[in-house]
Amino acid sequence: SGGGLVQPGGSLRLSCAASGSIFSINVMGWYRQAPGKQREL
C-alpha cells in the first residue's frame, strides 16, 4: 500500500505486510519496474 501520484520533490511511504508461514530469518525488500525496463532492486 501507499503508492500514488506525487509531484517532483515530494514524498511517499510504501508499506508491505506479510502474512502466512514466515520464519524469522528472512530478507525483505523493494524492487521496481518502469515501462519498457527490467525490474530492478
Full PDB file with SEQRES, HELIX, SHEET, SSBOND, CRYST1, ORIGX, SCALE, CONECT and MASTER records, all heavy atoms in Angstrom:
SEQRES   1 A   41  SER GLY GLY GLY LEU VAL GLN PRO GLY GLY SER LEU ARG          
SEQRES   2 A   41  LEU SER CYS ALA ALA SER GLY SER ILE PHE SER ILE ASN          
SEQRES   3 A   41  VAL MET GLY TRP TYR ARG GLN ALA PRO GLY LYS GLN ARG          
SEQRES   4 A   41  GLU LEU                                                      
CRYST1    1.000    1.000    1.000  90.00  90.00  90.00 P 1           1          
ORIGX1      1.000000  0.000000  0.000000        0.00000                         
ORIGX2      0.000000  1.000000  0.000000        0.00000                         
ORIGX3      0.000000  0.000000  1.000000        0.00000                         
SCALE1      1.000000  0.000000  0.000000        0.00000                         
SCALE2      0.000000  1.000000  0.000000        0.00000                         
SCALE3      0.000000  0.000000  1.000000        0.00000                         
ATOM      1  N   SER A   1       0.848  -1.188   0.000  1.00  0.00           N  
ATOM      2  CA  SER A   1       0.000   0.000   0.000  1.00  0.00           C  
ATOM      3  C   SER A   1       0.879   1.232   0.000  1.00  0.00           C  
ATOM      4  O   SER A   1       2.078   1.148   0.284  1.00  0.00           O  
ATOM      5  CB  SER A   1      -0.935   0.005   1.217  1.00  0.00           C  
ATOM      6  OG  SER A   1      -0.187   0.018   2.409  1.00  0.00           O  
ATOM      7  N   GLY A   2       0.264   2.371  -0.340  1.00  0.00           N  
ATOM      8  CA  GLY A   2       0.979   3.632  -0.234  1.00  0.00           C  
ATOM      9  C   GLY A   2       1.405   4.266  -1.540  1.00  0.00           C  
ATOM     10  O   GLY A   2       1.942   5.377  -1.538  1.00  0.00           O  
ATOM     11  N   GLY A   3       1.188   3.606  -2.663  1.00  0.00           N  
ATOM     12  CA  GLY A   3       1.552   4.218  -3.932  1.00  0.00           C  
ATOM     13  C   GLY A   3       0.601   5.335  -4.305  1.00  0.00           C  
ATOM     14  O   GLY A   3      -0.402   5.579  -3.629  1.00  0.00           O  
ATOM     15  N   GLY A   4       0.926   6.030  -5.399  1.00  0.00           N  
ATOM     16  CA  GLY A   4       0.061   7.099  -5.848  1.00  0.00           C  
ATOM     17  C   GLY A   4       0.785   8.082  -6.728  1.00  0.00           C  
ATOM     18  O   GLY A   4       1.889   7.818  -7.219  1.00  0.00           O  
ATOM     19  N   LEU A   5       0.143   9.223  -6.919  1.00  0.00           N  
ATOM     20  CA  LEU A   5       0.685  10.297  -7.749  1.00  0.00           C  
ATOM     21  C   LEU A   5       1.261  11.377  -6.851  1.00  0.00           C  
ATOM     22  O   LEU A   5       0.594  11.821  -5.902  1.00  0.00           O  
ATOM     23  CB  LEU A   5      -0.428  10.888  -8.628  1.00  0.00           C  
ATOM     24  CG  LEU A   5      -0.083  12.130  -9.445  1.00  0.00           C  
ATOM     25  CD1 LEU A   5       0.986  11.806 -10.485  1.00  0.00           C  
ATOM     26  CD2 LEU A   5      -1.341  12.676 -10.108  1.00  0.00           C  
ATOM     27  N   VAL A   6       2.474  11.797  -7.157  1.00  0.00           N  
ATOM     28  CA  VAL A   6       3.134  12.826  -6.358  1.00  0.00           C  
ATOM     29  C   VAL A   6       3.921  13.739  -7.285  1.00  0.00           C  
ATOM     30  O   VAL A   6       4.388  13.306  -8.352  1.00  0.00           O  
ATOM     31  CB  VAL A   6       4.040  12.185  -5.286  1.00  0.00           C  
ATOM     32  CG1 VAL A   6       5.179  11.402  -5.926  1.00  0.00           C  
ATOM     33  CG2 VAL A   6       4.562  13.212  -4.305  1.00  0.00           C  
ATOM     34  N   GLN A   7       4.062  14.984  -6.898  1.00  0.00           N  
ATOM     35  CA  GLN A   7       4.833  15.930  -7.693  1.00  0.00           C  
ATOM     36  C   GLN A   7       6.334  15.725  -7.478  1.00  0.00           C  
ATOM     37  O   GLN A   7       6.750  15.223  -6.420  1.00  0.00           O  
ATOM     38  CB  GLN A   7       4.454  17.359  -7.330  1.00  0.00           C  
ATOM     39  CG  GLN A   7       3.036  17.726  -7.733  1.00  0.00           C  
ATOM     40  CD  GLN A   7       2.737  19.203  -7.483  1.00  0.00           C  
ATOM     41  OE1 GLN A   7       3.425  19.872  -6.729  1.00  0.00           O  
ATOM     42  NE2 GLN A   7       1.696  19.705  -8.131  1.00  0.00           N  
ATOM     43  N   PRO A   8       7.143  16.108  -8.439  1.00  0.00           N  
ATOM     44  CA  PRO A   8       8.591  16.025  -8.244  1.00  0.00           C  
ATOM     45  C   PRO A   8       9.013  16.772  -6.980  1.00  0.00           C  
ATOM     46  O   PRO A   8       8.514  17.861  -6.691  1.00  0.00           O  
ATOM     47  CB  PRO A   8       9.147  16.704  -9.501  1.00  0.00           C  
ATOM     48  CG  PRO A   8       8.089  16.480 -10.533  1.00  0.00           C  
ATOM     49  CD  PRO A   8       6.787  16.569  -9.796  1.00  0.00           C  
ATOM     50  N   GLY A   9       9.905  16.133  -6.239  1.00  0.00           N  
ATOM     51  CA  GLY A   9      10.341  16.698  -4.973  1.00  0.00           C  
ATOM     52  C   GLY A   9       9.514  16.250  -3.785  1.00  0.00           C  
ATOM     53  O   GLY A   9       9.892  16.498  -2.631  1.00  0.00           O  
ATOM     54  N   GLY A  10       8.412  15.579  -4.046  1.00  0.00           N  
ATOM     55  CA  GLY A  10       7.523  15.126  -2.982  1.00  0.00           C  
ATOM     56  C   GLY A  10       7.972  13.821  -2.365  1.00  0.00           C  
ATOM     57  O   GLY A  10       9.025  13.276  -2.694  1.00  0.00           O  
ATOM     58  N   SER A  11       7.150  13.322  -1.448  1.00  0.00           N  
ATOM     59  CA  SER A  11       7.465  12.101  -0.706  1.00  0.00           C  
ATOM     60  C   SER A  11       6.296  11.131  -0.726  1.00  0.00           C  
ATOM     61  O   SER A  11       5.131  11.548  -0.839  1.00  0.00           O  
ATOM     62  CB  SER A  11       7.795  12.450   0.757  1.00  0.00           C  
ATOM     63  OG  SER A  11       8.925  13.278   0.836  1.00  0.00           O  
ATOM     64  N   LEU A  12       6.628   9.879  -0.608  1.00  0.00           N  
ATOM     65  CA  LEU A  12       5.644   8.820  -0.448  1.00  0.00           C  
ATOM     66  C   LEU A  12       6.230   7.775   0.490  1.00  0.00           C  
ATOM     67  O   LEU A  12       7.451   7.601   0.548  1.00  0.00           O  
ATOM     68  CB  LEU A  12       5.306   8.142  -1.773  1.00  0.00           C  
ATOM     69  CG  LEU A  12       4.318   8.808  -2.732  1.00  0.00           C  
ATOM     70  CD1 LEU A  12       4.210   8.003  -4.006  1.00  0.00           C  
ATOM     71  CD2 LEU A  12       2.961   8.996  -2.091  1.00  0.00           C  
ATOM     72  N   ARG A  13       5.338   7.063   1.190  1.00  0.00           N  
ATOM     73  CA  ARG A  13       5.763   5.965   2.042  1.00  0.00           C  
ATOM     74  C   ARG A  13       5.015   4.707   1.625  1.00  0.00           C  
ATOM     75  O   ARG A  13       3.778   4.669   1.704  1.00  0.00           O  
ATOM     76  CB  ARG A  13       5.495   6.267   3.510  1.00  0.00           C  
ATOM     77  CG  ARG A  13       6.098   5.241   4.468  1.00  0.00           C  
ATOM     78  CD  ARG A  13       5.557   5.431   5.864  1.00  0.00           C  
ATOM     79  NE  ARG A  13       6.341   4.720   6.860  1.00  0.00           N  
ATOM     80  CZ  ARG A  13       5.838   4.259   7.999  1.00  0.00           C  
ATOM     81  NH1 ARG A  13       4.550   4.436   8.273  1.00  0.00           N  
ATOM     82  NH2 ARG A  13       6.616   3.633   8.874  1.00  0.00           N  
ATOM     83  N   LEU A  14       5.755   3.717   1.192  1.00  0.00           N  
ATOM     84  CA  LEU A  14       5.167   2.441   0.831  1.00  0.00           C  
ATOM     85  C   LEU A  14       5.228   1.492   2.020  1.00  0.00           C  
ATOM     86  O   LEU A  14       6.190   1.514   2.791  1.00  0.00           O  
ATOM     87  CB  LEU A  14       5.903   1.819  -0.353  1.00  0.00           C  
ATOM     88  CG  LEU A  14       6.030   2.671  -1.614  1.00  0.00           C  
ATOM     89  CD1 LEU A  14       6.746   1.870  -2.705  1.00  0.00           C  
ATOM     90  CD2 LEU A  14       4.691   3.163  -2.091  1.00  0.00           C  
ATOM     91  N   SER A  15       4.205   0.663   2.141  1.00  0.00           N  
ATOM     92  CA  SER A  15       4.161  -0.355   3.182  1.00  0.00           C  
ATOM     93  C   SER A  15       3.871  -1.707   2.550  1.00  0.00           C  
ATOM     94  O   SER A  15       3.191  -1.791   1.533  1.00  0.00           O  
ATOM     95  CB  SER A  15       3.071  -0.049   4.218  1.00  0.00           C  
ATOM     96  OG  SER A  15       3.287   1.182   4.842  1.00  0.00           O  
ATOM     97  N   CYS A  16       4.380  -2.754   3.190  1.00  0.00           N  
ATOM     98  CA  CYS A  16       4.125  -4.106   2.711  1.00  0.00           C  
ATOM     99  C   CYS A  16       4.006  -5.016   3.925  1.00  0.00           C  
ATOM    100  O   CYS A  16       4.965  -5.174   4.676  1.00  0.00           O  
ATOM    101  CB  CYS A  16       5.240  -4.573   1.800  1.00  0.00           C  
ATOM    102  SG  CYS A  16       5.125  -6.309   1.322  1.00  0.00           S  
ATOM    103  N   ALA A  17       2.834  -5.608   4.073  1.00  0.00           N  
ATOM    104  CA  ALA A  17       2.584  -6.513   5.194  1.00  0.00           C  
ATOM    105  C   ALA A  17       2.605  -7.947   4.704  1.00  0.00           C  
ATOM    106  O   ALA A  17       1.912  -8.295   3.741  1.00  0.00           O  
ATOM    107  CB  ALA A  17       1.241  -6.190   5.836  1.00  0.00           C  
ATOM    108  N   ALA A  18       3.383  -8.773   5.372  1.00  0.00           N  
ATOM    109  CA  ALA A  18       3.492 -10.183   5.019  1.00  0.00           C  
ATOM    110  C   ALA A  18       2.699 -11.024   6.013  1.00  0.00           C  
ATOM    111  O   ALA A  18       2.684 -10.741   7.208  1.00  0.00           O  
ATOM    112  CB  ALA A  18       4.953 -10.616   5.024  1.00  0.00           C  
ATOM    113  N   SER A  19       2.051 -12.053   5.508  1.00  0.00           N  
ATOM    114  CA  SER A  19       1.307 -12.960   6.364  1.00  0.00           C  
ATOM    115  C   SER A  19       1.535 -14.398   5.895  1.00  0.00           C  
ATOM    116  O   SER A  19       1.895 -14.631   4.743  1.00  0.00           O  
ATOM    117  CB  SER A  19      -0.192 -12.640   6.339  1.00  0.00           C  
ATOM    118  OG  SER A  19      -0.706 -12.761   5.020  1.00  0.00           O  
ATOM    119  N   GLY A  20       1.320 -15.342   6.811  1.00  0.00           N  
ATOM    120  CA  GLY A  20       1.500 -16.741   6.459  1.00  0.00           C  
ATOM    121  C   GLY A  20       2.651 -17.359   7.219  1.00  0.00           C  
ATOM    122  O   GLY A  20       3.020 -16.918   8.299  1.00  0.00           O  
ATOM    123  N   SER A  21       3.257 -18.370   6.624  1.00  0.00           N  
ATOM    124  CA  SER A  21       4.340 -19.124   7.260  1.00  0.00           C  
ATOM    125  C   SER A  21       5.666 -18.406   7.047  1.00  0.00           C  
ATOM    126  O   SER A  21       6.399 -18.688   6.111  1.00  0.00           O  
ATOM    127  CB  SER A  21       4.401 -20.543   6.686  1.00  0.00           C  
ATOM    128  OG  SER A  21       3.184 -21.230   6.904  1.00  0.00           O  
ATOM    129  N   ILE A  22       5.945 -17.482   7.944  1.00  0.00           N  
ATOM    130  CA  ILE A  22       7.143 -16.652   7.813  1.00  0.00           C  
ATOM    131  C   ILE A  22       8.098 -16.981   8.947  1.00  0.00           C  
ATOM    132  O   ILE A  22       7.715 -16.937  10.109  1.00  0.00           O  
ATOM    133  CB  ILE A  22       6.781 -15.164   7.854  1.00  0.00           C  
ATOM    134  CG1 ILE A  22       5.819 -14.841   6.718  1.00  0.00           C  
ATOM    135  CG2 ILE A  22       8.032 -14.306   7.755  1.00  0.00           C  
ATOM    136  CD1 ILE A  22       5.167 -13.497   6.845  1.00  0.00           C  
ATOM    137  N   PHE A  23       9.302 -17.301   8.593  1.00  0.00           N  
ATOM    138  CA  PHE A  23      10.301 -17.580   9.592  1.00  0.00           C  
ATOM    139  C   PHE A  23      11.110 -16.332   9.868  1.00  0.00           C  
ATOM    140  O   PHE A  23      11.183 -15.434   9.050  1.00  0.00           O  
ATOM    141  CB  PHE A  23      11.208 -18.724   9.124  1.00  0.00           C  
ATOM    142  CG  PHE A  23      10.455 -19.996   8.886  1.00  0.00           C  
ATOM    143  CD1 PHE A  23      10.095 -20.370   7.609  1.00  0.00           C  
ATOM    144  CD2 PHE A  23      10.076 -20.805   9.943  1.00  0.00           C  
ATOM    145  CE1 PHE A  23       9.391 -21.528   7.376  1.00  0.00           C  
ATOM    146  CE2 PHE A  23       9.372 -21.972   9.718  1.00  0.00           C  
ATOM    147  CZ  PHE A  23       9.021 -22.338   8.427  1.00  0.00           C  
ATOM    148  N   SER A  24      11.725 -16.293  11.005  1.00  0.00           N  
ATOM    149  CA  SER A  24      12.397 -15.066  11.425  1.00  0.00           C  
ATOM    150  C   SER A  24      13.584 -14.729  10.534  1.00  0.00           C  
ATOM    151  O   SER A  24      13.904 -13.574  10.342  1.00  0.00           O  
ATOM    152  CB  SER A  24      12.858 -15.180  12.880  1.00  0.00           C  
ATOM    153  OG  SER A  24      13.777 -16.259  13.017  1.00  0.00           O  
ATOM    154  N   ILE A  25      14.258 -15.745   9.989  1.00  0.00           N  
ATOM    155  CA  ILE A  25      15.423 -15.466   9.166  1.00  0.00           C  
ATOM    156  C   ILE A  25      14.953 -15.193   7.738  1.00  0.00           C  
ATOM    157  O   ILE A  25      14.560 -16.094   7.006  1.00  0.00           O  
ATOM    158  CB  ILE A  25      16.404 -16.649   9.184  1.00  0.00           C  
ATOM    159  CG1 ILE A  25      16.849 -16.917  10.614  1.00  0.00           C  
ATOM    160  CG2 ILE A  25      17.594 -16.355   8.297  1.00  0.00           C  
ATOM    161  CD1 ILE A  25      17.720 -18.126  10.768  1.00  0.00           C  
ATOM    162  N   ASN A  26      14.939 -13.929   7.378  1.00  0.00           N  
ATOM    163  CA  ASN A  26      14.482 -13.591   6.038  1.00  0.00           C  
ATOM    164  C   ASN A  26      14.994 -12.215   5.648  1.00  0.00           C  
ATOM    165  O   ASN A  26      15.517 -11.473   6.470  1.00  0.00           O  
ATOM    166  CB  ASN A  26      12.944 -13.609   5.975  1.00  0.00           C  
ATOM    167  CG  ASN A  26      12.323 -12.603   6.909  1.00  0.00           C  
ATOM    168  OD1 ASN A  26      12.371 -11.403   6.650  1.00  0.00           O  
ATOM    169  ND2 ASN A  26      11.724 -13.064   7.988  1.00  0.00           N  
ATOM    170  N   VAL A  27      14.831 -11.926   4.386  1.00  0.00           N  
ATOM    171  CA  VAL A  27      15.178 -10.618   3.849  1.00  0.00           C  
ATOM    172  C   VAL A  27      13.942 -10.071   3.152  1.00  0.00           C  
ATOM    173  O   VAL A  27      13.268 -10.780   2.406  1.00  0.00           O  
ATOM    174  CB  VAL A  27      16.350 -10.706   2.846  1.00  0.00           C  
ATOM    175  CG1 VAL A  27      16.626  -9.341   2.222  1.00  0.00           C  
ATOM    176  CG2 VAL A  27      17.599 -11.237   3.539  1.00  0.00           C  
ATOM    177  N   MET A  28      13.635  -8.824   3.411  1.00  0.00           N  
ATOM    178  CA  MET A  28      12.531  -8.155   2.725  1.00  0.00           C  
ATOM    179  C   MET A  28      13.086  -7.008   1.912  1.00  0.00           C  
ATOM    180  O   MET A  28      14.151  -6.456   2.231  1.00  0.00           O  
ATOM    181  CB  MET A  28      11.496  -7.644   3.724  1.00  0.00           C  
ATOM    182  CG  MET A  28      10.877  -8.744   4.575  1.00  0.00           C  
ATOM    183  SD  MET A  28       9.488  -8.177   5.583  1.00  0.00           S  
ATOM    184  CE  MET A  28       8.174  -8.119   4.350  1.00  0.00           C  
ATOM    185  N   GLY A  29      12.393  -6.652   0.859  1.00  0.00           N  
ATOM    186  CA  GLY A  29      12.910  -5.588   0.018  1.00  0.00           C  
ATOM    187  C   GLY A  29      11.888  -5.045  -0.950  1.00  0.00           C  
ATOM    188  O   GLY A  29      10.726  -5.475  -0.964  1.00  0.00           O  
ATOM    189  N   TRP A  30      12.354  -4.095  -1.714  1.00  0.00           N  
ATOM    190  CA  TRP A  30      11.532  -3.442  -2.734  1.00  0.00           C  
ATOM    191  C   TRP A  30      12.270  -3.453  -4.069  1.00  0.00           C  
ATOM    192  O   TRP A  30      13.454  -3.129  -4.129  1.00  0.00           O  
ATOM    193  CB  TRP A  30      11.221  -2.002  -2.341  1.00  0.00           C  
ATOM    194  CG  TRP A  30      10.332  -1.876  -1.153  1.00  0.00           C  
ATOM    195  CD1 TRP A  30      10.715  -1.749   0.147  1.00  0.00           C  
ATOM    196  CD2 TRP A  30       8.909  -1.875  -1.151  1.00  0.00           C  
ATOM    197  NE1 TRP A  30       9.609  -1.673   0.968  1.00  0.00           N  
ATOM    198  CE2 TRP A  30       8.486  -1.739   0.186  1.00  0.00           C  
ATOM    199  CE3 TRP A  30       7.936  -1.964  -2.146  1.00  0.00           C  
ATOM    200  CZ2 TRP A  30       7.144  -1.698   0.556  1.00  0.00           C  
ATOM    201  CZ3 TRP A  30       6.594  -1.924  -1.782  1.00  0.00           C  
ATOM    202  CH2 TRP A  30       6.208  -1.797  -0.443  1.00  0.00           C  
ATOM    203  N   TYR A  31      11.549  -3.830  -5.106  1.00  0.00           N  
ATOM    204  CA  TYR A  31      12.003  -3.728  -6.476  1.00  0.00           C  
ATOM    205  C   TYR A  31      11.058  -2.774  -7.196  1.00  0.00           C  
ATOM    206  O   TYR A  31       9.970  -2.484  -6.709  1.00  0.00           O  
ATOM    207  CB  TYR A  31      11.974  -5.090  -7.173  1.00  0.00           C  
ATOM    208  CG  TYR A  31      13.123  -5.999  -6.823  1.00  0.00           C  
ATOM    209  CD1 TYR A  31      13.212  -6.605  -5.573  1.00  0.00           C  
ATOM    210  CD2 TYR A  31      14.116  -6.287  -7.761  1.00  0.00           C  
ATOM    211  CE1 TYR A  31      14.263  -7.448  -5.258  1.00  0.00           C  
ATOM    212  CE2 TYR A  31      15.169  -7.135  -7.463  1.00  0.00           C  
ATOM    213  CZ  TYR A  31      15.233  -7.713  -6.205  1.00  0.00           C  
ATOM    214  OH  TYR A  31      16.269  -8.553  -5.906  1.00  0.00           O  
ATOM    215  N   ARG A  32      11.489  -2.329  -8.364  1.00  0.00           N  
ATOM    216  CA  ARG A  32      10.599  -1.521  -9.186  1.00  0.00           C  
ATOM    217  C   ARG A  32      10.814  -1.850 -10.654  1.00  0.00           C  
ATOM    218  O   ARG A  32      11.882  -2.314 -11.060  1.00  0.00           O  
ATOM    219  CB  ARG A  32      10.811  -0.025  -8.942  1.00  0.00           C  
ATOM    220  CG  ARG A  32      12.145   0.519  -9.429  1.00  0.00           C  
ATOM    221  CD  ARG A  32      12.291   1.970  -9.003  1.00  0.00           C  
ATOM    222  NE  ARG A  32      13.546   2.552  -9.500  1.00  0.00           N  
ATOM    223  CZ  ARG A  32      13.967   3.770  -9.163  1.00  0.00           C  
ATOM    224  NH1 ARG A  32      13.265   4.528  -8.342  1.00  0.00           N  
ATOM    225  NH2 ARG A  32      15.105   4.226  -9.667  1.00  0.00           N  
ATOM    226  N   GLN A  33       9.756  -1.599 -11.418  1.00  0.00           N  
ATOM    227  CA  GLN A  33       9.832  -1.831 -12.856  1.00  0.00           C  
ATOM    228  C   GLN A  33       9.118  -0.699 -13.575  1.00  0.00           C  
ATOM    229  O   GLN A  33       7.906  -0.508 -13.399  1.00  0.00           O  
ATOM    230  CB  GLN A  33       9.216  -3.174 -13.234  1.00  0.00           C  
ATOM    231  CG  GLN A  33       9.411  -3.539 -14.691  1.00  0.00           C  
ATOM    232  CD  GLN A  33       9.098  -4.987 -14.979  1.00  0.00           C  
ATOM    233  OE1 GLN A  33       8.401  -5.656 -14.235  1.00  0.00           O  
ATOM    234  NE2 GLN A  33       9.640  -5.501 -16.082  1.00  0.00           N  
ATOM    235  N   ALA A  34       9.897   0.036 -14.350  1.00  0.00           N  
ATOM    236  CA  ALA A  34       9.345   1.110 -15.171  1.00  0.00           C  
ATOM    237  C   ALA A  34       8.962   0.552 -16.535  1.00  0.00           C  
ATOM    238  O   ALA A  34       9.500  -0.478 -16.960  1.00  0.00           O  
ATOM    239  CB  ALA A  34      10.371   2.230 -15.315  1.00  0.00           C  
ATOM    240  N   PRO A  35       8.064   1.228 -17.239  1.00  0.00           N  
ATOM    241  CA  PRO A  35       7.648   0.743 -18.571  1.00  0.00           C  
ATOM    242  C   PRO A  35       8.843   0.566 -19.497  1.00  0.00           C  
ATOM    243  O   PRO A  35       9.674   1.465 -19.626  1.00  0.00           O  
ATOM    244  CB  PRO A  35       6.719   1.856 -19.059  1.00  0.00           C  
ATOM    245  CG  PRO A  35       6.175   2.465 -17.825  1.00  0.00           C  
ATOM    246  CD  PRO A  35       7.301   2.411 -16.829  1.00  0.00           C  
ATOM    247  N   GLY A  36       8.927  -0.607 -20.116  1.00  0.00           N  
ATOM    248  CA  GLY A  36       9.992  -0.870 -21.063  1.00  0.00           C  
ATOM    249  C   GLY A  36      11.339  -1.182 -20.442  1.00  0.00           C  
ATOM    250  O   GLY A  36      12.326  -1.324 -21.160  1.00  0.00           O  
ATOM    251  N   LYS A  37      11.385  -1.288 -19.112  1.00  0.00           N  
ATOM    252  CA  LYS A  37      12.654  -1.550 -18.439  1.00  0.00           C  
ATOM    253  C   LYS A  37      12.564  -2.816 -17.603  1.00  0.00           C  
ATOM    254  O   LYS A  37      11.481  -3.301 -17.276  1.00  0.00           O  
ATOM    255  CB  LYS A  37      13.045  -0.362 -17.554  1.00  0.00           C  
ATOM    256  CG  LYS A  37      13.334   0.911 -18.326  1.00  0.00           C  
ATOM    257  CD  LYS A  37      13.884   1.986 -17.407  1.00  0.00           C  
ATOM    258  CE  LYS A  37      14.239   3.242 -18.186  1.00  0.00           C  
ATOM    259  NZ  LYS A  37      14.807   4.303 -17.295  1.00  0.00           N  
ATOM    260  N   GLN A  38      13.741  -3.341 -17.257  1.00  0.00           N  
ATOM    261  CA  GLN A  38      13.781  -4.526 -16.420  1.00  0.00           C  
ATOM    262  C   GLN A  38      13.499  -4.166 -14.964  1.00  0.00           C  
ATOM    263  O   GLN A  38      13.741  -3.043 -14.527  1.00  0.00           O  
ATOM    264  CB  GLN A  38      15.159  -5.190 -16.529  1.00  0.00           C  
ATOM    265  CG  GLN A  38      15.420  -5.841 -17.878  1.00  0.00           C  
ATOM    266  CD  GLN A  38      16.715  -6.627 -17.890  1.00  0.00           C  
ATOM    267  OE1 GLN A  38      17.651  -6.307 -17.166  1.00  0.00           O  
ATOM    268  NE2 GLN A  38      16.766  -7.663 -18.706  1.00  0.00           N  
ATOM    269  N   ARG A  39      13.003  -5.161 -14.238  1.00  0.00           N  
ATOM    270  CA  ARG A  39      12.794  -4.955 -12.816  1.00  0.00           C  
ATOM    271  C   ARG A  39      14.147  -4.801 -12.136  1.00  0.00           C  
ATOM    272  O   ARG A  39      15.100  -5.531 -12.430  1.00  0.00           O  
ATOM    273  CB  ARG A  39      12.033  -6.143 -12.229  1.00  0.00           C  
ATOM    274  CG  ARG A  39      11.518  -5.943 -10.830  1.00  0.00           C  
ATOM    275  CD  ARG A  39      10.641  -7.092 -10.386  1.00  0.00           C  
ATOM    276  NE  ARG A  39       9.421  -7.191 -11.194  1.00  0.00           N  
ATOM    277  CZ  ARG A  39       8.408  -7.996 -10.892  1.00  0.00           C  
ATOM    278  NH1 ARG A  39       8.471  -8.778  -9.829  1.00  0.00           N  
ATOM    279  NH2 ARG A  39       7.348  -8.043 -11.664  1.00  0.00           N  
ATOM    280  N   GLU A  40      14.231  -3.849 -11.201  1.00  0.00           N  
ATOM    281  CA  GLU A  40      15.497  -3.577 -10.533  1.00  0.00           C  
ATOM    282  C   GLU A  40      15.299  -3.465  -9.029  1.00  0.00           C  
ATOM    283  O   GLU A  40      14.239  -3.036  -8.553  1.00  0.00           O  
ATOM    284  CB  GLU A  40      16.119  -2.277 -11.065  1.00  0.00           C  
ATOM    285  CG  GLU A  40      15.297  -1.041 -10.824  1.00  0.00           C  
ATOM    286  CD  GLU A  40      15.980   0.229 -11.319  1.00  0.00           C  
ATOM    287  OE1 GLU A  40      17.073   0.153 -11.898  1.00  0.00           O  
ATOM    288  OE2 GLU A  40      15.393   1.317 -11.104  1.00  0.00           O  
ATOM    289  N   LEU A  41      16.340  -3.836  -8.301  1.00  0.00           N  
ATOM    290  CA  LEU A  41      16.319  -3.712  -6.847  1.00  0.00           C  
ATOM    291  C   LEU A  41      16.373  -2.240  -6.457  1.00  0.00           C  
ATOM    292  O   LEU A  41      17.176  -1.480  -6.991  1.00  0.00           O  
ATOM    293  CB  LEU A  41      17.495  -4.458  -6.230  1.00  0.00           C  
ATOM    294  CG  LEU A  41      17.680  -4.294  -4.729  1.00  0.00           C  
ATOM    295  CD1 LEU A  41      16.555  -4.980  -3.962  1.00  0.00           C  
ATOM    296  CD2 LEU A  41      19.036  -4.824  -4.292  1.00  0.00           C  
TER     297      LEU A  41                                                      
MASTER        0    0    0    0    0    0    0    6  296    1    0    4          
END                                                                             
